[in-house]
Amino acid sequence: MKHNASKTILLASLIWVSGCKSLDITPTSELGYNEGTSTSAGLEGVINTAFGRYISGNNGVTYFDEMLYWEAMAAKNVSRYAAAPTSGNTYLLNQFNVQSNSGILSGLSSARYATVTAANVVLDAIARNAPQDADIALQRDRLQGEGYFCRGTAFFDIARFWAHQYGYQSTAPNSGIPIPVNVPVTGTLDVGRSTTEETYAQIIGDLTKATQLLPIAYDPAIHGSFPAYRFRATRAAAFGILARVYFQQATNESYQKTLEAINAILGPTPGTITATANTGSRVYGLQPFHSGTTIAGGGPYNSTGFTAAPANSEEIIRLVNNTVTTGGYIAASTNITLESGGNPTNRGGLRWPLKRPTPDVAATVPVTTSSTFDDVVNDRRFTVLTANNNFGTTAAPRNERYTLKWGTQTGSLVGFQTCPMLRAGELVITRAEINATQGNLAAAAADYNLVRTRAGASTKKIGDAGFTTKAEVLAEIVKERQRELLFEGDDFNAWKRMSAYNAKNGAVYPASEVAPIVRGGVTLNWNSNRTLLKFADSDINLNPLMGPSVQNPD
């Protein structure tokens, strides 16, 4: 594909979408729609916007921010620094007390619906009046696949913030989110809230189409000047996000579909990862930790990121490919960093340290243990990817550990540029968990031990004494998931998922993992309305098919 498309067209496509006010979408009559979608190069500019909104976001909200916002709401792993301000976005998220007039809500919705709008423009143009240039025959499937991938993934992100957990009142009116699938005409979404059931059906439908249309791997004939094909999705990425969606549905049937989607990427044998028909020659193994004891030796979370695709071993899709501050992406952690009271190394997760050990120790005593990690001597996720917190002062470290997973700023290098949207480690531990729920303990052990061995942990391998029954194995895998996916935005959604699964299937997951949480003196269950974000006032005011009756109440 020729990538010397008119810069005017690309700039216009960026303005169309990033200029939206929350759910207020510029109508197609004002977009120069026909001019911008009449060539393959024009559509390339529009779909680039769909991916770009994940990276740079609207109102400063990026996918990196979304992960840290989920961490702020996390049920198990993290705690708020006691001296942190009792205001600010992340504090309000932690308390589940963000009000509908908050800018964070309009920022989140506009960022994701901007992705949806750009995807809809591409899908509509190809279906209604496809370009007739020479490139379209080669690019049509890829462009459509990327459109379905971006739209389905964006809807899923929106649903996890605003919709009820699947399995709880899933067919009730207004339990889901607005799911616009057409190009806007009037300047607003012009769709009301769907049900949760309808929301997930749309997401699964979009991602399934993406698995059928996206290319297997980077192909110079298709991708042209994208040498590493970063920011973009291949077929494996679509299967991976689809697996994440099925997993969140939390039913026995959806768990089985999750396994099928994971095996389409990793191969069918637990404990091993092989190339498949959907990955070509690429093998998504677990990238080993490198030598050294600093973040530069942090395996998939080192300061320079993963090895360049397609030879790298773990990233399936990443969203940021620039490790210099001049790339503009340093703002990705602004909300978290500024609220930490100052952070000279720009570590995005500083304000949310690991939960303290029990019993607690004095504030002047450096923490070398954690209630999350069980092998703090050998587990490199603890020794390399967390550190004692002194908030940049000369005082003794406080009794907290904070994450180094997203790296540090050293000169022009910004570690959180290594942010992966999806990596093989998540899929391996997910497969282990599902096999454990199904009683396939040998299969569960094979994948669990694969993750634990990569981390360097030397104790509590499944098969050891005390880790032999289904209940014991599943409980340990759940803890391993918390260790492996720490500060990747999984914990809050896992709490809801496990709780929904138990509500349908009995006490399968440990009671401690699905117990209600207490925030601000209020006890919250997994299906409490307060654990859902409110829709922004601007969303409701600008969309004629939404109104006060569809607001998520406390």
Protein backbone atom coordinates (compact mmCIF):
# COMPACT_ATOMS: atom_id res chain seq x y z
CA MET A 1 0.00 0.00 0.00
CA LYS A 2 1.25 3.50 -0.78
CA HIS A 3 1.68 5.45 2.46
CA ASN A 4 2.42 8.83 0.90
CA ALA A 5 -1.24 9.80 1.22
CA SER A 6 -2.14 13.43 1.39
CA LYS A 7 -1.28 14.87 4.78
CA THR A 8 -4.36 16.99 4.43
CA ILE A 9 -6.59 13.93 4.40
CA LEU A 10 -4.83 12.41 7.41
CA LEU A 11 -5.03 15.66 9.36
CA ALA A 12 -8.68 16.05 8.51
CA SER A 13 -9.44 12.54 9.73
CA LEU A 14 -7.73 13.29 13.04
CA ILE A 15 -9.68 16.51 13.48
CA TRP A 16 -12.99 14.87 12.67
CA VAL A 17 -12.78 12.50 15.58
CA SER A 18 -10.53 14.10 18.19
CA GLY A 19 -12.61 17.27 18.04
CA CYS A 20 -15.67 15.48 19.41
CA LYS A 21 -17.17 16.66 22.67
CA SER A 22 -17.91 13.48 24.57
CA LEU A 23 -20.71 11.76 22.64
CA ASP A 24 -21.16 14.81 20.39
CA ILE A 25 -19.97 13.54 17.01
CA THR A 26 -19.43 15.78 13.98
CA PRO A 27 -22.03 14.78 11.35
CA THR A 28 -20.79 13.27 8.12
CA SER A 29 -22.18 16.18 6.10
CA GLU A 30 -19.50 18.37 7.70
CA LEU A 31 -16.60 15.95 7.35
CA GLY A 32 -15.83 16.14 3.67
CA TYR A 33 -16.81 12.49 3.97
CA ASN A 34 -16.66 11.51 0.31
CA GLU A 35 -13.29 13.17 -0.20
CA GLY A 36 -11.78 11.58 2.87
CA THR A 37 -12.98 8.06 2.13
CA SER A 38 -12.61 7.90 -1.64
CA THR A 39 -9.15 6.31 -1.59
CA SER A 40 -7.44 3.51 0.27
CA ALA A 41 -4.93 6.07 1.56
CA GLY A 42 -7.79 8.18 2.94
CA LEU A 43 -9.24 5.20 4.78
CA GLU A 44 -5.77 4.43 6.09
CA GLY A 45 -5.71 7.85 7.68
CA VAL A 46 -9.09 7.30 9.32
CA ILE A 47 -8.25 3.86 10.73
CA ASN A 48 -4.97 5.28 11.97
CA THR A 49 -7.10 7.65 14.04
CA ALA A 50 -9.03 4.72 15.51
CA PHE A 51 -5.80 3.20 16.83
CA GLY A 52 -4.33 6.60 17.64
CA ARG A 53 -7.08 7.45 20.12
CA TYR A 54 -5.93 4.53 22.24
CA ILE A 55 -2.43 5.98 22.30
CA SER A 56 -3.01 9.71 22.66
CA GLY A 57 -6.65 9.77 23.72
CA ASN A 58 -9.16 12.58 24.05
CA ASN A 59 -8.77 15.01 26.94
CA GLY A 60 -5.53 13.27 27.88
CA VAL A 61 -7.13 9.87 28.56
CA THR A 62 -5.14 7.02 27.03
CA TYR A 63 -5.34 3.25 27.31
CA PHE A 64 -2.50 3.51 29.82
CA ASP A 65 -4.70 5.77 31.96
CA GLU A 66 -7.59 3.34 31.66
CA MET A 67 -5.47 0.52 33.08
CA LEU A 68 -4.40 2.66 36.02
CA TYR A 69 -7.98 3.79 36.65
CA TRP A 70 -8.99 0.13 36.85
CA GLU A 71 -6.11 -0.37 39.27
CA ALA A 72 -7.42 2.49 41.39
CA MET A 73 -10.67 0.52 41.71
CA ALA A 74 -8.86 -2.80 42.25
CA ALA A 75 -10.29 -5.09 44.88
CA LYS A 76 -7.21 -6.99 46.04
CA ASN A 77 -3.78 -5.79 44.99
CA VAL A 78 -3.28 -2.10 45.61
CA SER A 79 -3.92 0.48 48.29
CA ARG A 80 -3.94 4.24 48.31
CA TYR A 81 -0.99 6.00 49.88
CA ALA A 82 -2.30 7.23 53.23
CA ALA A 83 -0.94 10.76 52.76
CA ALA A 84 -2.31 11.19 49.24
CA PRO A 85 -4.92 13.92 48.63
CA THR A 86 -8.54 13.03 49.29
CA SER A 87 -9.46 14.48 45.92
CA GLY A 88 -8.51 13.91 42.32
CA ASN A 89 -9.63 11.42 39.72
CA THR A 90 -7.92 8.33 41.05
CA TYR A 91 -9.03 8.92 44.63
CA LEU A 92 -12.62 9.37 43.49
CA LEU A 93 -12.34 6.21 41.40
CA ASN A 94 -10.98 4.33 44.39
CA GLN A 95 -14.00 5.42 46.41
CA PHE A 96 -16.39 4.75 43.49
CA ASN A 97 -17.53 8.32 43.87
CA VAL A 98 -16.91 10.00 40.51
CA GLN A 99 -19.85 12.32 39.82
CA SER A 100 -21.52 12.85 36.47
CA ASN A 101 -20.08 16.35 36.06
CA SER A 102 -16.50 15.06 36.20
CA GLY A 103 -14.23 15.65 33.24
CA ILE A 104 -12.76 12.16 33.60
CA LEU A 105 -16.05 10.65 32.47
CA SER A 106 -16.35 12.71 29.32
CA GLY A 107 -12.66 12.09 28.63
CA LEU A 108 -13.07 8.33 28.88
CA SER A 109 -16.22 8.18 26.77
CA SER A 110 -15.00 10.58 24.09
CA ALA A 111 -11.71 8.72 23.72
CA ARG A 112 -13.39 5.36 23.17
CA TYR A 113 -16.33 6.59 21.12
CA ALA A 114 -13.86 8.49 18.94
CA THR A 115 -12.29 5.12 18.14
CA VAL A 116 -15.76 3.73 17.40
CA THR A 117 -16.62 6.62 15.09
CA ALA A 118 -13.42 6.29 13.08
CA ALA A 119 -13.98 2.53 12.75
CA ASN A 120 -17.57 3.12 11.63
CA VAL A 121 -16.42 5.56 8.95
CA VAL A 122 -14.07 2.95 7.48
CA LEU A 123 -16.58 0.10 7.65
CA ASP A 124 -19.34 2.24 6.17
CA ALA A 125 -17.18 3.54 3.33
CA ILE A 126 -16.07 0.07 2.27
CA ALA A 127 -19.58 -1.35 2.46
CA ARG A 128 -21.36 1.58 0.84
CA ASN A 129 -18.94 3.04 -1.67
CA ALA A 130 -15.56 1.35 -1.57
CA PRO A 131 -12.63 3.20 -3.12
CA GLN A 132 -11.82 2.15 -6.66
CA ASP A 133 -8.06 2.71 -6.59
CA ALA A 134 -5.59 -0.06 -7.31
CA ASP A 135 -4.80 -0.65 -3.63
CA ILE A 136 -8.27 -1.50 -2.44
CA ALA A 137 -8.23 -5.15 -3.54
CA LEU A 138 -5.14 -5.71 -1.41
CA GLN A 139 -6.21 -3.54 1.53
CA ARG A 140 -9.95 -4.13 1.82
CA ASP A 141 -9.83 -7.10 4.24
CA ARG A 142 -7.16 -5.51 6.43
CA LEU A 143 -9.01 -2.19 6.67
CA GLN A 144 -12.29 -3.91 7.49
CA GLY A 145 -10.60 -6.21 10.00
CA GLU A 146 -8.95 -3.27 11.74
CA GLY A 147 -12.28 -1.46 11.80
CA TYR A 148 -14.04 -4.38 13.46
CA PHE A 149 -11.12 -4.89 15.85
CA CYS A 150 -11.07 -1.24 16.96
CA ARG A 151 -14.83 -1.01 17.33
CA GLY A 152 -15.24 -4.28 19.23
CA THR A 153 -12.30 -3.55 21.53
CA ALA A 154 -13.54 -0.02 22.24
CA PHE A 155 -17.05 -1.25 23.04
CA PHE A 156 -15.55 -3.80 25.45
CA ASP A 157 -13.52 -1.13 27.25
CA ILE A 158 -16.61 1.07 27.54
CA ALA A 159 -18.70 -1.85 28.80
CA ARG A 160 -16.26 -2.69 31.58
CA PHE A 161 -16.58 0.86 32.91
CA TRP A 162 -20.28 1.56 32.38
CA ALA A 163 -22.24 -1.68 31.84
CA HIS A 164 -23.31 -4.26 34.36
CA GLN A 165 -21.16 -7.36 34.65
CA TYR A 166 -22.38 -9.99 32.21
CA GLY A 167 -24.64 -12.40 34.06
CA TYR A 168 -26.28 -9.77 36.23
CA GLN A 169 -29.57 -8.48 34.80
CA SER A 170 -28.01 -8.88 31.36
CA THR A 171 -31.29 -8.53 29.48
CA ALA A 172 -32.61 -5.61 31.55
CA PRO A 173 -33.21 -2.36 29.63
CA ASN A 174 -30.31 0.11 29.88
CA SER A 175 -27.99 -2.46 31.50
CA GLY A 176 -25.45 -2.07 28.69
CA ILE A 177 -23.98 0.86 26.79
CA PRO A 178 -24.78 2.83 23.63
CA ILE A 179 -23.48 0.77 20.69
CA PRO A 180 -23.55 2.97 17.57
CA VAL A 181 -22.64 0.99 14.46
CA ASN A 182 -23.46 3.60 11.81
CA VAL A 183 -21.73 6.80 10.79
CA PRO A 184 -23.33 9.78 12.59
CA VAL A 185 -25.67 11.97 10.60
CA THR A 186 -27.13 14.43 13.10
CA GLY A 187 -24.05 15.16 15.19
CA THR A 188 -24.86 12.82 18.09
CA LEU A 189 -24.77 9.06 18.57
CA ASP A 190 -28.54 8.84 18.23
CA VAL A 191 -28.66 5.50 20.06
CA GLY A 192 -29.79 4.75 23.58
CA ARG A 193 -28.31 2.24 26.01
CA SER A 194 -28.48 -1.35 24.92
CA THR A 195 -28.78 -4.32 27.23
CA THR A 196 -25.63 -6.04 28.48
CA GLU A 197 -26.60 -9.06 26.39
CA GLU A 198 -26.82 -6.94 23.24
CA THR A 199 -23.57 -5.19 24.09
CA TYR A 200 -21.61 -8.43 24.36
CA ALA A 201 -23.24 -9.84 21.23
CA GLN A 202 -22.03 -6.80 19.27
CA ILE A 203 -18.53 -7.00 20.74
CA ILE A 204 -18.19 -10.72 20.00
CA GLY A 205 -19.60 -10.25 16.51
CA ASP A 206 -17.10 -7.50 15.71
CA LEU A 207 -14.08 -9.36 17.06
CA THR A 208 -15.10 -12.60 15.35
CA LYS A 209 -15.19 -10.77 12.03
CA ALA A 210 -11.78 -9.32 12.83
CA THR A 211 -10.35 -12.83 13.32
CA GLN A 212 -11.58 -13.69 9.83
CA LEU A 213 -10.31 -10.57 8.06
CA LEU A 214 -7.07 -9.50 9.70
CA PRO A 215 -3.72 -10.66 8.29
CA ILE A 216 -1.76 -13.30 10.17
CA ALA A 217 1.38 -11.24 10.49
CA TYR A 218 3.21 -8.20 9.25
CA ASP A 219 3.35 -8.30 5.46
CA PRO A 220 5.32 -5.61 3.57
CA ALA A 221 2.99 -5.97 0.62
CA ILE A 222 0.02 -5.05 2.80
CA HIS A 223 1.48 -2.89 5.54
CA GLY A 224 3.94 -0.94 3.46
CA SER A 225 6.04 1.42 5.54
CA PHE A 226 5.05 0.04 8.94
CA PRO A 227 8.30 -1.88 9.54
CA ALA A 228 7.28 -3.48 12.83
CA TYR A 229 3.53 -3.15 12.34
CA ARG A 230 3.08 -1.73 15.80
CA PHE A 231 -0.11 -0.05 16.93
CA ARG A 232 -2.00 -2.33 14.55
CA ALA A 233 -3.78 -5.62 15.04
CA THR A 234 -3.01 -8.96 13.50
CA ARG A 235 -5.29 -11.99 13.68
CA ALA A 236 -3.73 -13.08 16.98
CA ALA A 237 -4.67 -9.76 18.59
CA ALA A 238 -8.30 -10.24 17.59
CA PHE A 239 -8.36 -13.76 19.01
CA GLY A 240 -6.68 -12.49 22.19
CA ILE A 241 -9.16 -9.69 22.87
CA LEU A 242 -11.99 -12.07 21.96
CA ALA A 243 -10.65 -14.47 24.59
CA ARG A 244 -10.66 -11.62 27.11
CA VAL A 245 -14.31 -10.86 26.27
CA TYR A 246 -15.46 -14.49 26.57
CA PHE A 247 -13.57 -14.80 29.85
CA GLN A 248 -15.32 -11.75 31.29
CA GLN A 249 -18.71 -13.32 30.49
CA ALA A 250 -17.92 -15.83 33.26
CA THR A 251 -20.00 -18.84 32.23
CA ASN A 252 -18.90 -22.42 31.64
CA GLU A 253 -19.75 -22.03 27.96
CA SER A 254 -17.84 -18.77 27.60
CA TYR A 255 -14.84 -20.22 29.47
CA GLN A 256 -14.70 -23.01 26.90
CA LYS A 257 -14.81 -20.46 24.09
CA THR A 258 -12.01 -18.58 25.83
CA LEU A 259 -9.86 -21.71 25.70
CA GLU A 260 -10.57 -22.11 22.00
CA ALA A 261 -9.58 -18.50 21.28
CA ILE A 262 -6.37 -18.80 23.34
CA ASN A 263 -5.43 -22.07 21.67
CA ALA A 264 -5.86 -20.37 18.29
CA ILE A 265 -2.86 -18.23 19.29
CA LEU A 266 -0.76 -20.39 21.62
CA GLY A 267 -1.48 -23.87 20.33
CA PRO A 268 -3.56 -26.54 22.09
CA THR A 269 -1.05 -27.97 24.58
CA PRO A 270 -0.87 -26.37 28.04
CA GLY A 271 2.65 -25.68 29.21
CA THR A 272 3.83 -25.03 25.66
CA ILE A 273 3.40 -22.26 23.10
CA THR A 274 3.65 -23.08 19.41
CA ALA A 275 2.91 -21.41 16.11
CA THR A 276 -0.60 -21.93 14.78
CA ALA A 277 -2.49 -21.35 11.57
CA ASN A 278 -3.37 -17.92 12.97
CA THR A 279 0.17 -16.86 13.83
CA GLY A 280 2.19 -18.22 10.92
CA SER A 281 5.83 -18.58 11.86
CA ARG A 282 5.52 -16.40 14.92
CA VAL A 283 5.58 -17.99 18.39
CA TYR A 284 4.34 -15.90 21.31
CA GLY A 285 6.52 -17.36 24.04
CA LEU A 286 7.11 -15.78 27.44
CA GLN A 287 10.00 -13.36 27.17
CA PRO A 288 12.60 -14.29 29.79
CA PHE A 289 13.93 -11.83 32.33
CA HIS A 290 17.30 -10.52 31.31
CA SER A 291 20.38 -10.39 33.50
CA GLY A 292 20.61 -7.57 35.99
CA THR A 293 18.53 -6.33 38.88
CA THR A 294 17.07 -3.12 37.48
CA ILE A 295 14.11 -2.38 35.27
CA ALA A 296 16.38 -2.81 32.26
CA GLY A 297 16.36 -6.47 33.22
CA GLY A 298 12.60 -6.59 33.63
CA GLY A 299 11.76 -9.00 30.84
CA PRO A 300 8.76 -7.73 28.89
CA TYR A 301 8.76 -4.56 31.01
CA ASN A 302 12.27 -3.30 30.40
CA SER A 303 12.98 0.33 29.59
CA THR A 304 13.14 -0.21 25.85
CA GLY A 305 10.15 -2.48 25.53
CA PHE A 306 9.81 -5.75 23.74
CA THR A 307 12.18 -6.91 21.07
CA ALA A 308 11.05 -5.61 17.69
CA ALA A 309 8.24 -7.58 16.08
CA PRO A 310 7.94 -10.12 14.62
CA ALA A 311 10.90 -11.76 16.37
CA ASN A 312 9.82 -10.72 19.86
CA SER A 313 8.46 -13.37 22.12
CA GLU A 314 5.53 -11.95 24.07
CA GLU A 315 3.72 -8.84 22.91
CA ILE A 316 0.64 -9.53 20.83
CA ILE A 317 -0.35 -5.91 20.41
CA ARG A 318 1.20 -2.80 21.91
CA LEU A 319 -0.05 0.73 21.75
CA VAL A 320 3.05 2.87 22.19
CA ASN A 321 6.20 2.61 20.13
CA ASN A 322 8.03 5.78 21.05
CA THR A 323 10.43 5.81 24.00
CA VAL A 324 11.39 9.47 23.93
CA THR A 325 9.64 12.27 25.76
CA THR A 326 9.41 14.33 22.59
CA GLY A 327 6.99 11.74 21.28
CA GLY A 328 4.32 13.41 23.38
CA TYR A 329 3.24 10.25 25.15
CA ILE A 330 4.73 11.23 28.50
CA ALA A 331 1.32 12.77 29.30
CA ALA A 332 -0.15 9.27 29.38
CA SER A 333 0.20 9.05 33.16
CA THR A 334 -0.49 12.69 33.99
CA ASN A 335 -3.57 12.06 36.10
CA ILE A 336 -1.91 9.46 38.29
CA THR A 337 1.48 11.15 38.54
CA LEU A 338 0.26 14.62 39.50
CA GLU A 339 -1.96 13.23 42.20
CA SER A 340 0.94 11.41 43.83
CA GLY A 341 2.23 14.66 45.30
CA GLY A 342 5.28 14.73 43.09
CA ASN A 343 7.11 11.99 41.27
CA PRO A 344 10.60 12.79 40.00
CA THR A 345 10.92 9.52 38.08
CA ASN A 346 7.51 9.71 36.41
CA ARG A 347 6.34 6.30 37.50
CA GLY A 348 2.68 6.28 36.64
CA GLY A 349 1.56 3.89 39.36
CA LEU A 350 3.41 5.49 42.28
CA ARG A 351 0.38 6.64 44.15
CA TRP A 352 -1.09 3.16 44.33
CA PRO A 353 1.41 0.95 46.19
CA LEU A 354 1.06 -2.75 46.81
CA LYS A 355 -1.02 -3.59 49.84
CA ARG A 356 1.04 -3.58 52.97
CA PRO A 357 2.08 -6.81 54.68
CA THR A 358 0.10 -8.10 57.60
CA PRO A 359 0.80 -7.29 60.36
CA ASP A 360 1.81 -3.81 59.28
CA VAL A 361 5.26 -2.46 60.09
CA ALA A 362 6.45 0.98 61.14
CA ALA A 363 6.47 3.69 58.48
CA THR A 364 10.27 3.92 58.67
CA VAL A 365 10.85 0.22 58.04
CA PRO A 366 11.53 -0.72 54.40
CA VAL A 367 9.11 -3.35 53.17
CA THR A 368 10.67 -6.50 51.77
CA THR A 369 7.51 -8.59 51.80
CA SER A 370 4.03 -8.29 50.39
CA SER A 371 0.64 -9.81 51.00
CA THR A 372 0.43 -10.45 47.24
CA PHE A 373 3.81 -12.08 46.61
CA ASP A 374 4.71 -15.33 48.34
CA ASP A 375 8.34 -15.59 47.20
CA VAL A 376 9.88 -12.15 47.61
CA VAL A 377 13.41 -13.51 47.43
CA ASN A 378 13.33 -15.13 44.00
CA ASP A 379 10.25 -13.74 42.24
CA ARG A 380 11.61 -11.15 39.83
CA ARG A 381 8.21 -9.54 39.50
CA PHE A 382 8.77 -8.45 43.11
CA THR A 383 12.53 -7.92 43.18
CA VAL A 384 12.80 -6.19 39.79
CA LEU A 385 9.38 -4.73 39.12
CA THR A 386 8.55 -3.25 42.54
CA ALA A 387 10.55 -1.03 44.88
CA ASN A 388 10.39 0.57 48.32
CA ASN A 389 8.73 3.94 48.22
CA ASN A 390 10.50 7.05 49.50
CA PHE A 391 8.67 9.52 47.26
CA GLY A 392 11.93 10.98 46.10
CA THR A 393 12.98 12.16 49.56
CA THR A 394 16.08 11.43 51.61
CA ALA A 395 14.00 9.95 54.41
CA ALA A 396 13.94 6.24 55.01
CA PRO A 397 11.63 4.31 52.65
CA ARG A 398 8.04 4.10 53.82
CA ASN A 399 6.36 0.78 54.50
CA GLU A 400 5.08 0.42 50.96
CA ARG A 401 6.09 -1.13 47.66
CA TYR A 402 5.19 0.47 44.36
CA THR A 403 5.35 -0.75 40.81
CA LEU A 404 8.29 -0.40 38.46
CA LYS A 405 6.48 -2.40 35.81
CA TRP A 406 5.97 0.64 33.64
CA GLY A 407 9.57 1.66 34.00
CA THR A 408 11.31 4.91 34.80
CA GLN A 409 12.35 8.03 32.98
CA THR A 410 16.09 8.00 32.38
CA GLY A 411 17.21 10.81 30.14
CA SER A 412 14.88 10.67 27.16
CA LEU A 413 13.71 7.09 27.78
CA VAL A 414 10.24 6.73 29.23
CA GLY A 415 9.61 3.24 30.54
CA PHE A 416 5.85 3.24 30.37
CA GLN A 417 6.18 3.40 26.62
CA THR A 418 6.50 -0.38 26.86
CA CYS A 419 2.78 -0.60 27.59
CA PRO A 420 1.33 -3.72 25.96
CA MET A 421 -2.36 -3.94 25.26
CA LEU A 422 -2.16 -7.73 25.22
CA ARG A 423 0.64 -10.18 25.85
CA ALA A 424 1.04 -13.92 25.94
CA GLY A 425 1.58 -14.09 29.72
CA GLU A 426 -2.04 -13.08 30.31
CA LEU A 427 -3.34 -15.78 27.99
CA VAL A 428 -1.21 -18.49 29.61
CA ILE A 429 -2.43 -17.76 33.13
CA THR A 430 -6.01 -17.43 31.86
CA ARG A 431 -5.79 -20.88 30.30
CA ALA A 432 -4.45 -22.27 33.56
CA GLU A 433 -7.34 -20.77 35.51
CA ILE A 434 -10.00 -22.13 33.18
CA ASN A 435 -8.52 -25.61 33.23
CA ALA A 436 -8.48 -25.46 37.01
CA THR A 437 -12.19 -24.56 37.15
CA GLN A 438 -12.87 -27.53 34.87
CA GLY A 439 -10.86 -29.89 37.07
CA ASN A 440 -8.10 -30.39 34.46
CA LEU A 441 -5.40 -30.02 37.09
CA ALA A 442 -2.47 -31.36 35.06
CA ALA A 443 -3.21 -28.91 32.27
CA ALA A 444 -3.63 -26.09 34.78
CA ALA A 445 -0.34 -26.97 36.45
CA ALA A 446 1.56 -26.95 33.17
CA ASP A 447 0.60 -23.34 32.36
CA TYR A 448 0.82 -22.09 35.95
CA ASN A 449 4.33 -23.52 36.31
CA LEU A 450 5.31 -21.94 32.97
CA VAL A 451 4.43 -18.48 34.29
CA ARG A 452 5.93 -19.08 37.73
CA THR A 453 9.18 -20.45 36.35
CA ARG A 454 9.60 -17.43 34.07
CA ALA A 455 9.17 -15.18 37.09
CA GLY A 456 11.94 -17.03 38.94
CA ALA A 457 9.73 -18.09 41.84
CA SER A 458 11.04 -21.29 43.38
CA THR A 459 8.26 -22.26 45.75
CA LYS A 460 4.60 -23.29 45.54
CA LYS A 461 4.72 -25.10 42.25
CA ILE A 462 1.48 -26.94 41.64
CA GLY A 463 2.02 -30.54 42.56
CA ASP A 464 3.86 -29.61 45.74
CA ALA A 465 2.31 -30.55 49.05
CA GLY A 466 -0.76 -28.43 49.76
CA PHE A 467 -1.43 -27.68 46.09
CA THR A 468 -3.09 -30.78 44.81
CA THR A 469 -6.88 -30.45 45.07
CA LYS A 470 -9.02 -28.44 42.67
CA ALA A 471 -9.74 -25.81 45.33
CA GLU A 472 -6.05 -25.49 46.26
CA VAL A 473 -4.89 -25.28 42.66
CA LEU A 474 -7.51 -22.72 41.64
CA ALA A 475 -6.82 -20.54 44.69
CA GLU A 476 -3.11 -20.48 43.89
CA ILE A 477 -3.67 -19.72 40.20
CA VAL A 478 -5.89 -16.78 41.13
CA LYS A 479 -3.08 -15.40 43.28
CA GLU A 480 -0.58 -16.01 40.50
CA ARG A 481 -2.81 -14.06 38.13
CA GLN A 482 -2.74 -11.13 40.54
CA ARG A 483 1.06 -11.28 40.63
CA GLU A 484 1.50 -11.65 36.88
CA LEU A 485 -1.00 -8.95 35.87
CA LEU A 486 -0.27 -6.47 38.64
CA PHE A 487 -0.90 -2.90 37.42
CA GLU A 488 -2.32 -4.07 34.09
CA GLY A 489 -5.92 -3.24 34.98
CA ASP A 490 -7.08 -6.82 35.54
CA ASP A 491 -7.84 -7.03 39.25
CA PHE A 492 -11.10 -5.07 39.38
CA ASN A 493 -12.58 -6.89 36.39
CA ALA A 494 -11.40 -10.24 37.75
CA TRP A 495 -13.25 -9.58 41.03
CA LYS A 496 -16.47 -9.02 39.12
CA ARG A 497 -15.88 -11.99 36.83
CA MET A 498 -15.14 -14.48 39.60
CA SER A 499 -18.11 -13.24 41.59
CA ALA A 500 -20.45 -13.62 38.62
CA TYR A 501 -19.10 -17.12 37.97
CA ASN A 502 -19.72 -18.15 41.58
CA ALA A 503 -23.22 -16.67 41.51
CA LYS A 504 -24.04 -19.07 38.68
CA ASN A 505 -21.96 -22.11 39.64
CA GLY A 506 -21.63 -22.12 43.43
CA ALA A 507 -18.51 -21.62 45.53
CA VAL A 508 -15.92 -22.43 42.87
CA TYR A 509 -13.61 -19.46 43.48
CA PRO A 510 -12.37 -18.84 47.04
CA ALA A 511 -14.69 -16.76 49.19
CA SER A 512 -11.85 -14.36 49.96
CA GLU A 513 -11.54 -13.46 46.28
CA VAL A 514 -15.20 -12.61 45.76
CA ALA A 515 -15.90 -10.95 49.11
CA PRO A 516 -17.51 -7.49 49.07
CA ILE A 517 -15.17 -4.52 49.32
CA VAL A 518 -15.56 -1.52 51.60
CA ARG A 519 -14.93 1.98 50.29
CA GLY A 520 -15.73 5.14 52.20
CA GLY A 521 -17.52 3.09 54.82
CA VAL A 522 -19.86 1.57 52.22
CA THR A 523 -19.91 -2.17 51.51
CA LEU A 524 -19.99 -2.89 47.79
CA ASN A 525 -20.83 -6.19 46.14
CA TRP A 526 -19.68 -7.10 42.64
CA ASN A 527 -23.08 -6.15 41.21
CA SER A 528 -23.52 -2.91 43.14
CA ASN A 529 -24.58 0.00 40.94
CA ARG A 530 -21.94 2.15 42.56
CA THR A 531 -19.15 0.06 41.02
CA LEU A 532 -20.32 1.33 37.60
CA LEU A 533 -19.21 4.71 36.34
CA LYS A 534 -21.87 7.31 35.81
CA PHE A 535 -22.46 8.67 32.34
CA ALA A 536 -21.12 12.18 31.96
CA ASP A 537 -23.67 14.99 32.00
CA SER A 538 -22.45 15.99 28.56
CA ASP A 539 -23.08 12.47 27.26
CA ILE A 540 -26.67 12.57 28.41
CA ASN A 541 -27.34 16.17 27.37
CA LEU A 542 -25.90 15.74 23.88
CA ASN A 543 -27.59 12.46 23.03
CA PRO A 544 -31.37 12.81 22.60
CA LEU A 545 -31.92 9.09 23.18
CA MET A 546 -30.27 9.19 26.59
CA GLY A 547 -31.63 10.91 29.64
CA PRO A 548 -31.72 10.85 33.46
CA SER A 549 -33.65 7.58 33.45
CA VAL A 550 -30.66 5.71 31.97
CA GLN A 551 -28.06 7.09 34.37
CA ASN A 552 -26.20 4.56 36.52
CA PRO A 553 -27.41 5.38 40.05
CA ASP A 554 -25.46 4.96 43.28
